[in-house]
Amino acid sequence: MLETPAGLGQLIAILMMAAALGMDAFSLGIGIGMKGIRLLHVLKISVLIGLFHILMPLIGMYTGQYMSSLLGQVADYVAGGLLILLGVHMVFGSFKSGETRMIDHRSLLGMLLFALSVSVDSFSVGLSLGMFQSNLIVTVLAFGISGGVMSVLGLLLGRRASRNLGDFGEALGGVILLAFGLAFIF
């Protein structure tokens, strides 16, 4: 993958997308961390988020590869459009206020639902990357590690920080995905 400048560029793009998707886990982690969370729950939630950030783009990439074989040249525009929509959704979602979460993050069901909710975006990005034939192992590992690490940072920082940092992080992640979507189309 790194033999050519294009391979290095693809690796940098994957790492930036992984960080952008991790921002969602980071920002929501801050909110949960502000409610008070034990270190054991930080570890459990972060591991689940990391696993879901591997599973969801993996499913998305296989689906994207299949769609690419069906759509041909149109796949580039569809993939770029998906990233643009996801980026816009993340930016606007970061400005919503008054959102209440009724899920107990300490229960197994609550942890699974939280991990799934912050990993759904990874499916869409995986779908787009599957249409571009990106490196499967590098992509899912980068997404998983980034999701897990960003959730740990968000949960721990949430114990000490204000809610505004989380909103900014999610907006930044959305802008990054929006920029990649535009780059894929143009």
C-alpha atoms as a PDB file:
ATOM      1  CA  MET A   1       0.000   0.000   0.000  1.00  0.00           C
ATOM      2  CA  LEU A   2       2.891   2.385   0.687  1.00  0.00           C
ATOM      3  CA  GLU A   3       4.895   1.539  -2.456  1.00  0.00           C
ATOM      4  CA  THR A   4       3.502   4.517  -4.350  1.00  0.00           C
ATOM      5  CA  PRO A   5       2.694   8.097  -3.419  1.00  0.00           C
ATOM      6  CA  ALA A   6      -0.960   7.211  -4.090  1.00  0.00           C
ATOM      7  CA  GLY A   7      -0.700   4.415  -1.502  1.00  0.00           C
ATOM      8  CA  LEU A   8       0.693   6.828   1.075  1.00  0.00           C
ATOM      9  CA  GLY A   9      -2.055   9.292   0.240  1.00  0.00           C
ATOM     10  CA  GLN A  10      -4.660   6.554   0.706  1.00  0.00           C
ATOM     11  CA  LEU A  11      -3.163   5.649   4.103  1.00  0.00           C
ATOM     12  CA  ILE A  12      -3.267   9.286   5.230  1.00  0.00           C
ATOM     13  CA  ALA A  13      -6.870   9.588   4.026  1.00  0.00           C
ATOM     14  CA  ILE A  14      -7.863   6.428   5.937  1.00  0.00           C
ATOM     15  CA  LEU A  15      -6.176   7.658   9.119  1.00  0.00           C
ATOM     16  CA  MET A  16      -7.896  11.033   8.851  1.00  0.00           C
ATOM     17  CA  MET A  17     -11.284   9.375   8.293  1.00  0.00           C
ATOM     18  CA  ALA A  18     -10.664   7.082  11.253  1.00  0.00           C
ATOM     19  CA  ALA A  19      -9.929  10.105  13.436  1.00  0.00           C
ATOM     20  CA  ALA A  20     -13.015  11.895  12.118  1.00  0.00           C
ATOM     21  CA  LEU A  21     -15.234   8.907  12.932  1.00  0.00           C
ATOM     22  CA  GLY A  22     -13.581   8.609  16.336  1.00  0.00           C
ATOM     23  CA  MET A  23     -14.675  12.184  17.085  1.00  0.00           C
ATOM     24  CA  ASP A  24     -18.251  10.959  17.427  1.00  0.00           C
ATOM     25  CA  ALA A  25     -17.198   8.470  20.121  1.00  0.00           C
ATOM     26  CA  PHE A  26     -15.049  11.176  21.682  1.00  0.00           C
ATOM     27  CA  SER A  27     -17.826  13.757  21.868  1.00  0.00           C
ATOM     28  CA  LEU A  28     -20.467  11.354  23.172  1.00  0.00           C
ATOM     29  CA  GLY A  29     -17.894   9.946  25.586  1.00  0.00           C
ATOM     30  CA  ILE A  30     -17.424  13.395  27.073  1.00  0.00           C
ATOM     31  CA  GLY A  31     -21.149  13.594  27.774  1.00  0.00           C
ATOM     32  CA  ILE A  32     -21.201  10.205  29.490  1.00  0.00           C
ATOM     33  CA  GLY A  33     -17.979  10.957  31.340  1.00  0.00           C
ATOM     34  CA  MET A  34     -19.491  14.148  32.740  1.00  0.00           C
ATOM     35  CA  LYS A  35     -22.243  12.081  34.369  1.00  0.00           C
ATOM     36  CA  GLY A  36     -19.583  10.139  36.251  1.00  0.00           C
ATOM     37  CA  ILE A  37     -18.137   6.831  35.113  1.00  0.00           C
ATOM     38  CA  ARG A  38     -15.891   4.216  36.668  1.00  0.00           C
ATOM     39  CA  LEU A  39     -12.638   3.272  34.968  1.00  0.00           C
ATOM     40  CA  LEU A  40     -13.855  -0.314  34.451  1.00  0.00           C
ATOM     41  CA  HIS A  41     -16.827   1.014  32.468  1.00  0.00           C
ATOM     42  CA  VAL A  42     -14.503   3.261  30.461  1.00  0.00           C
ATOM     43  CA  LEU A  43     -12.519   0.180  29.443  1.00  0.00           C
ATOM     44  CA  LYS A  44     -15.601  -1.929  28.638  1.00  0.00           C
ATOM     45  CA  ILE A  45     -17.298   0.771  26.574  1.00  0.00           C
ATOM     46  CA  SER A  46     -14.096   1.623  24.707  1.00  0.00           C
ATOM     47  CA  VAL A  47     -13.385  -2.000  23.795  1.00  0.00           C
ATOM     48  CA  LEU A  48     -16.943  -2.418  22.513  1.00  0.00           C
ATOM     49  CA  ILE A  49     -16.684   0.785  20.481  1.00  0.00           C
ATOM     50  CA  GLY A  50     -13.371  -0.388  19.017  1.00  0.00           C
ATOM     51  CA  LEU A  51     -14.920  -3.729  18.031  1.00  0.00           C
ATOM     52  CA  PHE A  52     -17.973  -2.065  16.493  1.00  0.00           C
ATOM     53  CA  HIS A  53     -15.668   0.360  14.633  1.00  0.00           C
ATOM     54  CA  ILE A  54     -14.065  -2.732  13.080  1.00  0.00           C
ATOM     55  CA  LEU A  55     -17.253  -4.689  12.384  1.00  0.00           C
ATOM     56  CA  MET A  56     -19.388  -1.899  10.918  1.00  0.00           C
ATOM     57  CA  PRO A  57     -16.914  -0.640   8.273  1.00  0.00           C
ATOM     58  CA  LEU A  58     -16.059  -4.248   7.418  1.00  0.00           C
ATOM     59  CA  ILE A  59     -19.700  -4.940   6.609  1.00  0.00           C
ATOM     60  CA  GLY A  60     -19.886  -1.593   4.814  1.00  0.00           C
ATOM     61  CA  MET A  61     -16.791  -2.304   2.720  1.00  0.00           C
ATOM     62  CA  TYR A  62     -18.090  -5.663   1.511  1.00  0.00           C
ATOM     63  CA  THR A  63     -21.424  -4.057   0.688  1.00  0.00           C
ATOM     64  CA  GLY A  64     -19.606  -1.202  -1.093  1.00  0.00           C
ATOM     65  CA  GLN A  65     -17.515  -3.592  -3.161  1.00  0.00           C
ATOM     66  CA  TYR A  66     -20.674  -5.364  -4.265  1.00  0.00           C
ATOM     67  CA  MET A  67     -22.395  -2.069  -5.091  1.00  0.00           C
ATOM     68  CA  SER A  68     -19.311  -0.907  -6.987  1.00  0.00           C
ATOM     69  CA  SER A  69     -19.469  -3.957  -9.223  1.00  0.00           C
ATOM     70  CA  LEU A  70     -23.124  -3.151  -9.923  1.00  0.00           C
ATOM     71  CA  LEU A  71     -22.826   0.617 -10.365  1.00  0.00           C
ATOM     72  CA  GLY A  72     -19.474   0.883 -12.136  1.00  0.00           C
ATOM     73  CA  GLN A  73     -18.350   4.491 -12.723  1.00  0.00           C
ATOM     74  CA  VAL A  74     -21.334   5.941 -10.827  1.00  0.00           C
ATOM     75  CA  ALA A  75     -19.922   4.397  -7.627  1.00  0.00           C
ATOM     76  CA  ASP A  76     -17.436   7.262  -7.179  1.00  0.00           C
ATOM     77  CA  TYR A  77     -20.232   9.815  -7.098  1.00  0.00           C
ATOM     78  CA  VAL A  78     -22.393   7.688  -4.796  1.00  0.00           C
ATOM     79  CA  ALA A  79     -19.490   7.134  -2.382  1.00  0.00           C
ATOM     80  CA  GLY A  80     -18.567  10.830  -2.352  1.00  0.00           C
ATOM     81  CA  GLY A  81     -22.217  11.775  -1.870  1.00  0.00           C
ATOM     82  CA  LEU A  82     -22.524   9.436   1.116  1.00  0.00           C
ATOM     83  CA  LEU A  83     -19.488  11.015   2.772  1.00  0.00           C
ATOM     84  CA  ILE A  84     -20.855  14.507   2.136  1.00  0.00           C
ATOM     85  CA  LEU A  85     -24.240  13.597   3.647  1.00  0.00           C
ATOM     86  CA  LEU A  86     -22.590  11.962   6.647  1.00  0.00           C
ATOM     87  CA  GLY A  87     -20.315  14.975   7.195  1.00  0.00           C
ATOM     88  CA  VAL A  88     -23.219  17.430   6.992  1.00  0.00           C
ATOM     89  CA  HIS A  89     -25.234  15.255   9.377  1.00  0.00           C
ATOM     90  CA  MET A  90     -22.375  15.221  11.912  1.00  0.00           C
ATOM     91  CA  VAL A  91     -21.860  18.994  11.685  1.00  0.00           C
ATOM     92  CA  PHE A  92     -25.560  19.784  12.159  1.00  0.00           C
ATOM     93  CA  GLY A  93     -25.912  17.090  14.823  1.00  0.00           C
ATOM     94  CA  SER A  94     -23.171  18.716  16.869  1.00  0.00           C
ATOM     95  CA  PHE A  95     -25.253  21.884  17.202  1.00  0.00           C
ATOM     96  CA  LYS A  96     -28.407  20.166  18.483  1.00  0.00           C
ATOM     97  CA  SER A  97     -29.010  20.841  22.138  1.00  0.00           C
ATOM     98  CA  GLY A  98     -31.394  19.475  24.706  1.00  0.00           C
ATOM     99  CA  GLU A  99     -30.894  15.902  23.574  1.00  0.00           C
ATOM    100  CA  THR A 100     -31.498  13.444  26.406  1.00  0.00           C
ATOM    101  CA  ARG A 101     -30.211   9.911  26.531  1.00  0.00           C
ATOM    102  CA  MET A 102     -32.281   7.472  28.545  1.00  0.00           C
ATOM    103  CA  ILE A 103     -29.877   4.516  28.180  1.00  0.00           C
ATOM    104  CA  ASP A 104     -27.970   3.310  31.222  1.00  0.00           C
ATOM    105  CA  HIS A 105     -24.374   3.130  29.962  1.00  0.00           C
ATOM    106  CA  ARG A 106     -23.404   0.760  32.783  1.00  0.00           C
ATOM    107  CA  SER A 107     -25.620  -2.136  31.615  1.00  0.00           C
ATOM    108  CA  LEU A 108     -24.541  -4.527  28.858  1.00  0.00           C
ATOM    109  CA  LEU A 109     -27.467  -3.484  26.673  1.00  0.00           C
ATOM    110  CA  GLY A 110     -26.681   0.193  27.265  1.00  0.00           C
ATOM    111  CA  MET A 111     -23.010  -0.303  26.373  1.00  0.00           C
ATOM    112  CA  LEU A 112     -23.929  -2.235  23.226  1.00  0.00           C
ATOM    113  CA  LEU A 113     -26.443   0.399  22.133  1.00  0.00           C
ATOM    114  CA  PHE A 114     -23.963   3.198  22.812  1.00  0.00           C
ATOM    115  CA  ALA A 115     -21.205   1.412  20.869  1.00  0.00           C
ATOM    116  CA  LEU A 116     -23.579   0.737  17.982  1.00  0.00           C
ATOM    117  CA  SER A 117     -24.852   4.321  17.915  1.00  0.00           C
ATOM    118  CA  VAL A 118     -21.353   5.813  17.583  1.00  0.00           C
ATOM    119  CA  SER A 119     -20.297   3.149  15.054  1.00  0.00           C
ATOM    120  CA  VAL A 120     -23.152   3.386  12.565  1.00  0.00           C
ATOM    121  CA  ASP A 121     -21.319   6.179  10.750  1.00  0.00           C
ATOM    122  CA  SER A 122     -18.436   3.756  10.215  1.00  0.00           C
ATOM    123  CA  PHE A 123     -20.729   1.567   8.117  1.00  0.00           C
ATOM    124  CA  SER A 124     -21.449   4.439   5.711  1.00  0.00           C
ATOM    125  CA  VAL A 125     -17.779   5.327   5.394  1.00  0.00           C
ATOM    126  CA  GLY A 126     -16.926   1.647   4.935  1.00  0.00           C
ATOM    127  CA  LEU A 127     -19.529   1.493   2.189  1.00  0.00           C
ATOM    128  CA  SER A 128     -17.835   4.401   0.414  1.00  0.00           C
ATOM    129  CA  LEU A 129     -14.362   2.951   0.872  1.00  0.00           C
ATOM    130  CA  GLY A 130     -15.528  -0.429  -0.423  1.00  0.00           C
ATOM    131  CA  MET A 131     -16.458   1.271  -3.686  1.00  0.00           C
ATOM    132  CA  PHE A 132     -12.900   2.639  -3.941  1.00  0.00           C
ATOM    133  CA  GLN A 133     -11.217  -0.718  -3.213  1.00  0.00           C
ATOM    134  CA  SER A 134      -9.219   0.529  -0.214  1.00  0.00           C
ATOM    135  CA  ASN A 135      -7.015  -1.775   1.863  1.00  0.00           C
ATOM    136  CA  LEU A 136      -9.386  -3.793   4.052  1.00  0.00           C
ATOM    137  CA  ILE A 137      -7.135  -4.686   6.995  1.00  0.00           C
ATOM    138  CA  VAL A 138      -5.514  -1.256   7.322  1.00  0.00           C
ATOM    139  CA  THR A 139      -8.901   0.437   7.144  1.00  0.00           C
ATOM    140  CA  VAL A 140     -10.734  -1.643   9.745  1.00  0.00           C
ATOM    141  CA  LEU A 141      -7.779  -1.645  12.143  1.00  0.00           C
ATOM    142  CA  ALA A 142      -7.366   2.117  11.842  1.00  0.00           C
ATOM    143  CA  PHE A 143     -11.092   2.639  12.428  1.00  0.00           C
ATOM    144  CA  GLY A 144     -11.168   0.237  15.394  1.00  0.00           C
ATOM    145  CA  ILE A 145      -8.090   1.609  17.123  1.00  0.00           C
ATOM    146  CA  SER A 146      -9.166   5.194  16.540  1.00  0.00           C
ATOM    147  CA  GLY A 147     -12.707   4.553  17.798  1.00  0.00           C
ATOM    148  CA  GLY A 148     -11.462   2.820  20.933  1.00  0.00           C
ATOM    149  CA  VAL A 149      -8.767   5.380  21.743  1.00  0.00           C
ATOM    150  CA  MET A 150     -11.011   8.371  21.055  1.00  0.00           C
ATOM    151  CA  SER A 151     -13.744   6.942  23.285  1.00  0.00           C
ATOM    152  CA  VAL A 152     -11.258   6.412  26.136  1.00  0.00           C
ATOM    153  CA  LEU A 153     -10.049   9.987  25.739  1.00  0.00           C
ATOM    154  CA  GLY A 154     -13.602  11.344  25.614  1.00  0.00           C
ATOM    155  CA  LEU A 155     -14.802   9.364  28.619  1.00  0.00           C
ATOM    156  CA  LEU A 156     -11.804  10.339  30.716  1.00  0.00           C
ATOM    157  CA  LEU A 157     -11.854  13.946  29.581  1.00  0.00           C
ATOM    158  CA  GLY A 158     -15.580  14.100  30.246  1.00  0.00           C
ATOM    159  CA  ARG A 159     -14.852  13.577  33.902  1.00  0.00           C
ATOM    160  CA  ARG A 160     -13.036  16.911  33.859  1.00  0.00           C
ATOM    161  CA  ALA A 161     -14.106  19.000  30.841  1.00  0.00           C
ATOM    162  CA  SER A 162     -17.058  21.040  29.640  1.00  0.00           C
ATOM    163  CA  ARG A 163     -19.699  19.845  27.171  1.00  0.00           C
ATOM    164  CA  ASN A 164     -18.681  22.418  24.523  1.00  0.00           C
ATOM    165  CA  LEU A 165     -15.494  20.529  23.656  1.00  0.00           C
ATOM    166  CA  GLY A 166     -17.543  17.473  22.690  1.00  0.00           C
ATOM    167  CA  ASP A 167     -19.763  19.480  20.346  1.00  0.00           C
ATOM    168  CA  PHE A 168     -16.704  20.996  18.686  1.00  0.00           C
ATOM    169  CA  GLY A 169     -15.100  17.557  18.235  1.00  0.00           C
ATOM    170  CA  GLU A 170     -18.154  16.122  16.491  1.00  0.00           C
ATOM    171  CA  ALA A 171     -18.406  19.189  14.220  1.00  0.00           C
ATOM    172  CA  LEU A 172     -14.718  18.862  13.297  1.00  0.00           C
ATOM    173  CA  GLY A 173     -15.198  15.192  12.430  1.00  0.00           C
ATOM    174  CA  GLY A 174     -18.141  16.115  10.202  1.00  0.00           C
ATOM    175  CA  VAL A 175     -16.132  18.769   8.374  1.00  0.00           C
ATOM    176  CA  ILE A 176     -13.348  16.249   7.687  1.00  0.00           C
ATOM    177  CA  LEU A 177     -15.796  13.704   6.224  1.00  0.00           C
ATOM    178  CA  LEU A 178     -17.475  16.448   4.182  1.00  0.00           C
ATOM    179  CA  ALA A 179     -14.112  17.464   2.739  1.00  0.00           C
ATOM    180  CA  PHE A 180     -13.263  13.875   1.774  1.00  0.00           C
ATOM    181  CA  GLY A 181     -16.670  13.467   0.134  1.00  0.00           C
ATOM    182  CA  LEU A 182     -16.054  16.566  -1.980  1.00  0.00           C
ATOM    183  CA  ALA A 183     -12.546  15.335  -2.843  1.00  0.00           C
ATOM    184  CA  PHE A 184     -13.913  11.972  -4.013  1.00  0.00           C
ATOM    185  CA  ILE A 185     -16.440  13.650  -6.308  1.00  0.00           C
ATOM    186  CA  PHE A 186     -14.177  16.369  -7.725  1.00  0.00           C
END
